[in-house]
Protein backbone atom coordinates (compact mmCIF):
# COMPACT_ATOMS: atom_id res chain seq x y z
CA MET A 1 3.39 8.59 -18.48
CA VAL A 2 4.45 5.24 -17.02
CA ASN A 3 2.31 5.94 -13.95
CA HIS A 4 -0.83 6.10 -16.13
CA HIS A 5 -0.06 2.66 -17.52
CA TYR A 6 0.39 1.26 -14.02
CA ALA A 7 -2.88 2.85 -12.90
CA LYS A 8 -4.72 1.33 -15.84
CA TRP A 9 -3.20 -2.10 -15.16
CA LEU A 10 -3.97 -1.94 -11.41
CA ASN A 11 -7.51 -0.85 -12.19
CA SER A 12 -8.06 -4.27 -13.78
CA TYR A 13 -7.94 -5.76 -10.26
CA GLN A 14 -10.63 -5.34 -7.64
CA TRP A 15 -9.24 -3.69 -4.50
CA ASN A 16 -11.02 -3.75 -1.15
CA TYR A 17 -8.90 -1.40 0.97
CA PHE A 18 -6.59 1.57 0.67
CA ALA A 19 -4.13 2.09 3.53
CA THR A 20 -1.19 4.32 4.39
CA PHE A 21 1.62 2.90 6.50
CA ARG A 22 4.30 4.78 8.41
CA SER A 23 7.19 4.16 10.74
CA PRO A 24 8.96 6.58 13.10
CA TYR A 25 12.21 5.00 11.90
CA ASN A 26 13.94 5.16 8.54
CA THR A 27 12.57 2.56 6.19
CA ASN A 28 14.11 0.85 3.21
CA TYR A 29 13.03 -1.64 0.59
CA MET A 30 13.27 -4.62 2.96
CA THR A 31 11.37 -2.86 5.76
CA VAL A 32 8.32 -2.50 3.54
CA ARG A 33 8.72 -6.06 2.19
CA ASN A 34 8.66 -7.29 5.80
CA TRP A 35 5.48 -5.31 6.43
CA MET A 36 3.88 -7.06 3.47
CA ARG A 37 5.00 -10.42 4.85
CA GLN A 38 3.36 -9.53 8.17
CA ILE A 39 0.11 -8.82 6.37
CA SER A 40 0.17 -12.21 4.66
CA VAL A 41 0.85 -14.03 7.96
CA LYS A 42 -1.67 -12.12 10.09
CA HIS A 43 -4.38 -11.99 7.42
CA PRO A 44 -4.29 -15.18 5.33
CA TYR A 45 -7.44 -14.07 3.49
CA VAL A 46 -5.52 -11.16 1.92
CA TYR A 47 -4.54 -12.44 -1.50
CA LYS A 48 -3.00 -9.44 -3.23
CA VAL A 49 -1.24 -6.22 -2.18
CA PHE A 50 0.16 -3.39 -4.23
CA TYR A 51 2.33 -0.87 -2.43
CA VAL A 52 4.27 2.25 -3.31
CA THR A 53 6.62 4.09 -0.95
CA GLU A 54 7.07 7.80 -1.51
CA ARG A 55 8.76 10.69 0.28
CA ASP A 56 6.78 13.04 2.53
CA LYS A 57 6.21 16.52 1.16
CA GLY A 58 6.99 18.30 4.42
CA ASP A 59 10.07 16.29 5.41
CA TYR A 60 11.90 14.64 2.54
CA ARG A 61 13.87 12.45 4.98
CA ASN A 62 10.68 10.59 5.91
CA SER A 63 8.49 8.41 3.76
CA HIS A 64 5.11 6.72 3.82
CA THR A 65 3.72 3.71 1.99
CA HIS A 66 0.38 3.62 0.21
CA SER A 67 -1.13 0.19 -0.21
CA LEU A 68 -4.01 -1.38 -2.06
CA ILE A 69 -5.29 -4.57 -0.47
CA ALA A 70 -7.46 -7.30 -1.98
CA SER A 71 -9.10 -9.59 0.56
CA TYR A 72 -11.63 -12.40 0.66
CA ASN A 73 -12.89 -11.18 4.08
CA ASP A 74 -13.78 -7.83 5.57
CA ILE A 75 -11.08 -6.29 7.75
CA SER A 76 -11.74 -3.50 10.21
CA TYR A 77 -9.20 -0.76 10.88
CA LYS A 78 -8.95 -1.85 14.52
CA GLU A 79 -8.38 -5.51 13.61
CA PHE A 80 -5.73 -4.63 11.04
CA ASN A 81 -3.95 -1.99 13.13
CA ASN A 82 -3.77 -4.28 16.18
CA SER A 83 -2.21 -7.09 14.15
CA VAL A 84 0.82 -5.33 12.66
CA SER A 85 3.96 -3.70 14.08
CA PHE A 86 3.87 -0.60 11.88
CA ALA A 87 1.59 2.44 12.06
CA VAL A 88 -1.56 2.37 9.94
CA GLY A 89 -2.32 6.03 9.36
CA ASP A 90 -5.19 5.68 6.94
CA TRP A 91 -7.59 2.81 6.30
CA GLN A 92 -10.60 2.98 4.04
CA SER A 93 -12.71 0.84 1.78
CA VAL A 94 -12.19 1.34 -1.93
CA TYR A 95 -15.29 2.75 -3.62
CA ASP A 96 -13.72 4.05 -6.82
CA ASN A 97 -11.06 1.71 -8.18
CA GLN A 98 -10.01 4.07 -10.96
CA LYS A 99 -9.42 7.07 -8.68
CA ILE A 100 -7.50 5.14 -6.05
CA THR A 101 -5.24 3.39 -8.57
CA SER A 102 -4.45 6.76 -10.16
CA TYR A 103 -3.66 8.22 -6.75
CA VAL A 104 -1.27 5.50 -5.56
CA THR A 105 0.65 5.45 -8.86
CA LYS A 106 1.10 9.22 -9.17
CA PHE A 107 4.88 9.11 -8.57
CA ILE A 108 5.76 5.85 -10.32
CA GLY A 109 8.45 6.52 -12.88
CA ARG A 110 10.25 9.07 -10.71
CA LYS A 111 13.54 8.51 -8.95
CA ASN A 112 13.62 6.61 -5.61
CA ILE A 113 10.05 5.31 -5.76
CA ASN A 114 9.75 1.75 -4.45
CA TYR A 115 6.69 -0.27 -5.50
CA ASP A 116 5.58 -3.83 -6.06
CA LEU A 117 2.58 -6.07 -6.57
CA ILE A 118 2.54 -9.14 -4.35
CA ASP A 119 0.27 -12.14 -4.81
CA PHE A 120 0.02 -14.27 -1.69
């Protein structure tokens, strides 16, 4: 139930992009925090990011991070991917705020789910 409350709260913000980030290496809380710091340095027009890291279905040892990005400027996949040191597996514009916020919050409230909202 807590995930529905998060989705409703996140839906009150306007998100421009949905992205999925991966690494071939094990990640932890600080790894993902450093990725968010990279985004703020490389893209100063990004003013808000919400992320949630969850385990892969096929291989529970690996994880991926879904992210919602709010930006003052347009960002292409190529521009974004070339500016960061982690893999950007998915990049798309947000057309339905409610659906995407429900999707990224689906596992919030479960064990070992790392998430945060960062205002830059």
